[in-house]
């Protein structure tokens, strides 16, 4: 694990350094640049570390950066809170100690859902809601969410997975009004899960499968990281027309997410109510 994780840390640093422009951090453009982003000496100066130390980090030869160094480099790279957390977890894992020792709250990946979380899911009706695991597996859903997404093909597989749906199901490109944004989001969520679950066989198999898709592989190499957060989703629904939804997520210590889909506007609210009423009438006739 150590060599692979050191490589992840090095790739993360190089990727994010190349993404930050000198203008973004108030540095003048001096001389011709062979690569995009910041030079190593510029990042070292901004973070208050030596160039030699930064080179050792990027080459995976220094495997124990201090919290102060992690924060300084994170600030210099303009990392988000989620990206700083990801950077810190990668740095911790390069020590070679099991994550269980470094983070006592770490648990094995599980699809078991706490009864109280399932109760919250059921009581969310008639608002569509579902529970996803850290690898984007859809573990459970309420009847309202099933009614909304069943025509979209999300539940076609025996074990639905949001990342697989977006990258492997052609219907996703027609359904998602902002497919590229959804693809970015799913890739970033899986990147965030990598430090904690990279040794899990299911995770490895999922990433190997997705990396065969060029659109995913390109995004995966950018090392962008994000955590579930409120966002707007626009769907071209085959039965209800255009739906605009606000997605709100509650995260548990098992890294499971209870996500609710709130109608963004009155038109969406009316369309969802019609879908649910139509579904109820069909069930009653059956």
Protein backbone atom coordinates (compact mmCIF):
# COMPACT_ATOMS: atom_id res chain seq x y z
CA UNK A 1 0.00 0.00 0.00
CA UNK A 2 2.80 2.44 0.88
CA UNK A 3 4.21 2.83 -2.65
CA UNK A 4 0.74 3.30 -4.19
CA UNK A 5 -0.27 5.88 -1.58
CA UNK A 6 3.00 7.79 -1.94
CA UNK A 7 2.29 7.93 -5.66
CA UNK A 8 -1.21 9.25 -4.98
CA UNK A 9 0.20 11.99 -2.73
CA UNK A 10 2.78 12.99 -5.32
CA UNK A 11 0.22 13.03 -8.15
CA UNK A 12 -2.21 15.06 -6.02
CA UNK A 13 0.41 17.73 -5.35
CA UNK A 14 1.60 17.95 -8.95
CA UNK A 15 -1.94 18.08 -10.32
CA UNK A 16 -3.04 20.88 -8.02
CA UNK A 17 0.18 22.87 -8.45
CA UNK A 18 -0.30 22.82 -12.21
CA UNK A 19 -3.87 24.05 -11.80
CA UNK A 20 -3.06 27.26 -9.88
CA UNK A 21 -2.11 30.18 -12.09
CA UNK A 22 0.45 32.76 -10.92
CA UNK A 23 -2.17 35.49 -11.32
CA UNK A 24 -4.49 33.68 -8.90
CA UNK A 25 -1.93 34.00 -6.09
CA UNK A 26 -0.69 37.49 -6.96
CA UNK A 27 2.56 36.50 -8.67
CA UNK A 28 3.83 38.27 -11.79
CA UNK A 29 4.26 36.35 -15.03
CA UNK A 30 8.03 36.21 -15.54
CA UNK A 31 9.72 34.29 -18.34
CA UNK A 32 8.45 31.51 -20.54
CA UNK A 33 6.70 28.60 -18.79
CA UNK A 34 7.11 25.04 -19.98
CA UNK A 35 4.25 23.74 -17.82
CA UNK A 36 0.96 25.31 -16.67
CA UNK A 37 0.41 26.52 -13.13
CA UNK A 38 2.93 27.35 -10.45
CA UNK A 39 6.60 26.50 -10.56
CA UNK A 40 7.90 24.45 -7.65
CA UNK A 41 9.94 27.38 -6.33
CA UNK A 42 6.84 29.58 -6.38
CA UNK A 43 4.75 27.09 -4.41
CA UNK A 44 7.63 26.53 -1.98
CA UNK A 45 7.88 30.27 -1.35
CA UNK A 46 4.12 30.66 -0.86
CA UNK A 47 4.00 27.70 1.55
CA UNK A 48 7.16 28.61 3.43
CA UNK A 49 8.98 25.34 2.72
CA UNK A 50 12.22 24.64 0.88
CA UNK A 51 12.22 23.66 -2.79
CA UNK A 52 14.12 20.50 -1.90
CA UNK A 53 11.43 19.52 0.61
CA UNK A 54 8.65 20.13 -1.93
CA UNK A 55 10.51 18.04 -4.54
CA UNK A 56 10.79 15.18 -2.02
CA UNK A 57 7.03 15.40 -1.37
CA UNK A 58 6.17 15.42 -5.07
CA UNK A 59 8.46 12.48 -5.71
CA UNK A 60 7.00 10.57 -2.79
CA UNK A 61 10.31 10.51 -0.92
CA UNK A 62 9.10 12.44 2.12
CA UNK A 63 6.31 10.48 3.74
CA UNK A 64 5.54 12.34 6.93
CA UNK A 65 4.62 16.02 6.39
CA UNK A 66 3.55 17.80 9.55
CA UNK A 67 0.03 19.24 9.98
CA UNK A 68 1.52 22.73 9.69
CA UNK A 69 3.12 21.87 6.35
CA UNK A 70 -0.11 20.28 5.10
CA UNK A 71 -2.08 23.42 5.97
CA UNK A 72 0.55 25.76 4.50
CA UNK A 73 0.70 23.89 1.19
CA UNK A 74 -3.08 23.53 1.14
CA UNK A 75 -3.52 27.28 1.59
CA UNK A 76 -0.92 28.04 -1.08
CA UNK A 77 -2.69 25.73 -3.54
CA UNK A 78 -6.07 27.30 -2.72
CA UNK A 79 -7.45 23.89 -1.76
CA UNK A 80 -11.04 23.62 -0.61
CA UNK A 81 -11.89 22.20 2.81
CA UNK A 82 -12.63 18.82 1.24
CA UNK A 83 -9.36 18.87 -0.72
CA UNK A 84 -7.36 19.74 2.40
CA UNK A 85 -8.96 16.82 4.21
CA UNK A 86 -8.11 14.56 1.28
CA UNK A 87 -4.50 15.82 1.24
CA UNK A 88 -4.17 15.23 4.98
CA UNK A 89 -5.54 11.68 4.71
CA UNK A 90 -3.10 10.87 1.91
CA UNK A 91 -0.25 12.27 3.99
CA UNK A 92 -1.29 10.21 7.03
CA UNK A 93 -1.46 7.02 5.01
CA UNK A 94 2.07 7.49 3.66
CA UNK A 95 3.33 6.80 7.17
CA UNK A 96 2.60 3.12 6.56
CA UNK A 97 0.35 2.81 9.62
CA UNK A 98 -3.11 1.31 9.09
CA UNK A 99 -5.81 3.92 8.79
CA UNK A 100 -7.61 2.23 11.69
CA UNK A 101 -4.77 3.34 13.97
CA UNK A 102 -4.52 6.84 12.55
CA UNK A 103 -8.28 7.41 12.47
CA UNK A 104 -10.01 5.35 15.19
CA UNK A 105 -13.43 6.12 13.69
CA UNK A 106 -12.52 4.19 10.54
CA UNK A 107 -14.71 1.20 9.91
CA UNK A 108 -14.99 -1.44 7.23
CA UNK A 109 -17.12 -0.59 4.22
CA UNK A 110 -20.69 -1.68 4.87
CA UNK A 111 -24.03 -1.50 3.08
CA UNK A 112 -25.92 -1.95 6.33
CA UNK A 113 -28.18 1.01 7.08
CA UNK A 114 -28.96 2.10 10.62
CA UNK A 115 -32.68 1.69 11.45
CA UNK A 116 -32.96 5.36 12.42
CA UNK A 117 -31.52 6.45 9.06
CA UNK A 118 -33.97 4.22 7.24
CA UNK A 119 -36.80 5.75 9.29
CA UNK A 120 -35.71 9.23 8.19
CA UNK A 121 -35.72 8.01 4.59
CA UNK A 122 -39.24 6.63 4.83
CA UNK A 123 -40.60 9.71 6.60
CA UNK A 124 -39.19 11.99 3.92
CA UNK A 125 -42.10 10.93 1.65
CA UNK A 126 -43.56 12.52 -0.44
CA UNK A 127 -40.20 14.23 -0.93
CA UNK A 128 -37.91 12.01 -3.07
CA UNK A 129 -34.92 10.71 -1.08
CA UNK A 130 -32.36 7.90 -1.17
CA UNK A 131 -29.31 6.62 0.71
CA UNK A 132 -25.97 6.20 -1.06
CA UNK A 133 -22.78 4.57 0.18
CA UNK A 134 -19.31 6.17 -0.08
CA UNK A 135 -18.71 4.49 -3.47
CA UNK A 136 -21.94 5.96 -4.92
CA UNK A 137 -23.87 2.69 -4.54
CA UNK A 138 -27.58 3.41 -4.08
CA UNK A 139 -28.42 1.38 -0.98
CA UNK A 140 -32.07 2.32 -0.34
CA UNK A 141 -34.73 4.74 -1.53
CA UNK A 142 -38.26 5.81 -0.70
CA UNK A 143 -41.24 5.33 -2.98
CA UNK A 144 -41.23 8.95 -4.17
CA UNK A 145 -37.62 8.75 -5.39
CA UNK A 146 -38.30 5.43 -7.12
CA UNK A 147 -41.26 6.97 -8.94
CA UNK A 148 -39.18 9.92 -10.15
CA UNK A 149 -36.04 8.04 -11.24
CA UNK A 150 -37.38 4.70 -12.51
CA UNK A 151 -38.06 6.12 -16.03
CA UNK A 152 -34.49 7.51 -16.12
CA UNK A 153 -32.81 4.10 -15.93
CA UNK A 154 -31.00 4.72 -12.64
CA UNK A 155 -32.54 1.62 -11.05
CA UNK A 156 -32.08 -0.70 -14.03
CA UNK A 157 -29.09 -2.52 -12.47
CA UNK A 158 -29.43 -4.98 -9.61
CA UNK A 159 -27.02 -2.83 -7.55
CA UNK A 160 -27.58 0.74 -8.76
CA UNK A 161 -24.51 2.97 -8.70
CA UNK A 162 -24.64 6.66 -9.56
CA UNK A 163 -21.13 6.81 -11.05
CA UNK A 164 -21.78 3.80 -13.26
CA UNK A 165 -25.06 5.33 -14.38
CA UNK A 166 -23.48 8.62 -15.37
CA UNK A 167 -20.49 7.17 -17.22
CA UNK A 168 -21.80 3.84 -18.55
CA UNK A 169 -25.50 4.38 -19.22
CA UNK A 170 -26.13 6.36 -22.46
CA UNK A 171 -29.46 7.58 -21.06
CA UNK A 172 -27.63 9.74 -18.51
CA UNK A 173 -26.36 12.12 -21.20
CA UNK A 174 -29.93 12.79 -22.31
CA UNK A 175 -31.39 13.01 -18.81
CA UNK A 176 -28.76 15.21 -17.14
CA UNK A 177 -29.05 18.76 -18.45
CA UNK A 178 -25.51 19.35 -17.13
CA UNK A 179 -23.94 15.96 -17.73
CA UNK A 180 -20.39 17.31 -17.50
CA UNK A 181 -21.10 18.85 -14.10
CA UNK A 182 -22.63 15.60 -12.83
CA UNK A 183 -19.62 13.66 -14.17
CA UNK A 184 -17.24 16.06 -12.41
CA UNK A 185 -19.18 15.69 -9.17
CA UNK A 186 -19.24 11.90 -9.19
CA UNK A 187 -15.54 11.64 -9.99
CA UNK A 188 -14.69 14.08 -7.20
CA UNK A 189 -16.77 12.12 -4.69
CA UNK A 190 -14.92 8.92 -5.58
CA UNK A 191 -11.56 10.73 -5.32
CA UNK A 192 -12.56 11.87 -1.83
CA UNK A 193 -13.35 8.25 -0.93
CA UNK A 194 -10.02 6.95 -2.22
CA UNK A 195 -7.82 7.43 0.90
CA UNK A 196 -10.30 5.65 3.13
CA UNK A 197 -11.49 2.85 0.84
CA UNK A 198 -8.65 2.27 -1.65
CA UNK A 199 -7.91 -1.19 -0.22
CA UNK A 200 -11.53 -2.33 -0.59
CA UNK A 201 -11.95 -4.79 -3.49
CA UNK A 202 -15.29 -3.32 -4.53
CA UNK A 203 -13.74 0.15 -4.76
CA UNK A 204 -10.78 -1.11 -6.79
CA UNK A 205 -13.07 -2.97 -9.19
CA UNK A 206 -15.33 0.07 -9.61
CA UNK A 207 -12.44 2.44 -10.40
CA UNK A 208 -10.87 -0.06 -12.83
CA UNK A 209 -14.20 -0.37 -14.63
CA UNK A 210 -14.74 3.38 -14.84
CA UNK A 211 -11.18 4.18 -15.91
CA UNK A 212 -11.88 2.32 -19.14
CA UNK A 213 -14.15 5.28 -19.98
CA UNK A 214 -12.03 8.20 -21.31
CA UNK A 215 -14.33 10.85 -19.82
CA UNK A 216 -13.84 9.35 -16.36
CA UNK A 217 -10.12 8.62 -16.74
CA UNK A 218 -9.43 12.24 -17.71
CA UNK A 219 -11.32 13.56 -14.70
CA UNK A 220 -9.78 11.00 -12.34
CA UNK A 221 -6.27 12.21 -13.19
CA UNK A 222 -7.08 15.79 -12.16
CA UNK A 223 -7.38 14.71 -8.48
CA UNK A 224 -10.30 17.04 -7.87
CA UNK A 225 -12.04 16.31 -4.58
CA UNK A 226 -15.46 17.26 -3.28
CA UNK A 227 -17.80 16.13 -0.56
CA UNK A 228 -21.60 15.86 -0.87
CA UNK A 229 -23.01 19.37 -0.64
CA UNK A 230 -26.21 21.24 -1.56
CA UNK A 231 -26.42 21.71 -5.31
CA UNK A 232 -28.96 22.14 -8.10
CA UNK A 233 -29.79 19.27 -10.44
CA UNK A 234 -31.69 19.73 -13.70
CA UNK A 235 -33.30 16.70 -15.29
CA UNK A 236 -35.01 16.28 -18.65
CA UNK A 237 -37.62 13.83 -17.43
CA UNK A 238 -39.37 11.75 -20.14
CA UNK A 239 -42.75 11.97 -18.36
CA UNK A 240 -42.60 15.17 -16.31
CA UNK A 241 -40.54 17.46 -18.53
CA UNK A 242 -37.86 19.73 -17.09
CA UNK A 243 -37.29 19.22 -13.36
CA UNK A 244 -35.10 21.55 -11.30
CA UNK A 245 -34.16 20.14 -7.90
CA UNK A 246 -32.13 21.23 -4.91
CA UNK A 247 -30.09 18.32 -3.55
CA UNK A 248 -29.40 18.29 0.19
CA UNK A 249 -27.25 15.60 1.81
CA UNK A 250 -26.82 14.30 5.35
CA UNK A 251 -23.60 12.30 5.92
CA UNK A 252 -23.13 9.62 8.59
CA UNK A 253 -19.92 8.39 10.20
CA UNK A 254 -20.12 5.32 7.94
CA UNK A 255 -19.77 7.73 4.97
CA UNK A 256 -23.33 7.00 3.88
CA UNK A 257 -25.39 9.90 2.54
CA UNK A 258 -29.09 10.52 2.91
CA UNK A 259 -29.90 12.74 -0.06
CA UNK A 260 -33.18 14.55 -0.50
CA UNK A 261 -34.47 16.10 -3.71
CA UNK A 262 -36.38 19.32 -3.04
CA UNK A 263 -38.37 21.02 -5.78
CA UNK A 264 -36.50 24.20 -6.75
CA UNK A 265 -39.57 25.93 -8.16
CA UNK A 266 -43.36 25.65 -8.30
CA UNK A 267 -43.33 24.03 -11.74
CA UNK A 268 -41.09 21.21 -10.50
CA UNK A 269 -43.17 20.77 -7.36
CA UNK A 270 -46.34 20.46 -9.43
CA UNK A 271 -44.70 18.03 -11.88
CA UNK A 272 -43.50 15.74 -9.07
CA UNK A 273 -46.91 15.76 -7.42
CA UNK A 274 -48.48 14.75 -10.73
CA UNK A 275 -45.95 11.92 -11.14
CA UNK A 276 -46.67 10.61 -7.65
CA UNK A 277 -50.44 10.87 -8.08
CA UNK A 278 -50.30 9.06 -11.43
CA UNK A 279 -48.16 6.29 -9.94
CA UNK A 280 -50.57 5.89 -7.03
CA UNK A 281 -53.54 5.58 -9.40
CA UNK A 282 -51.73 2.89 -11.42
CA UNK A 283 -50.91 0.94 -8.26
CA UNK A 284 -54.53 1.10 -7.09
CA UNK A 285 -55.85 -0.13 -10.44
CA UNK A 286 -53.38 -3.02 -10.36
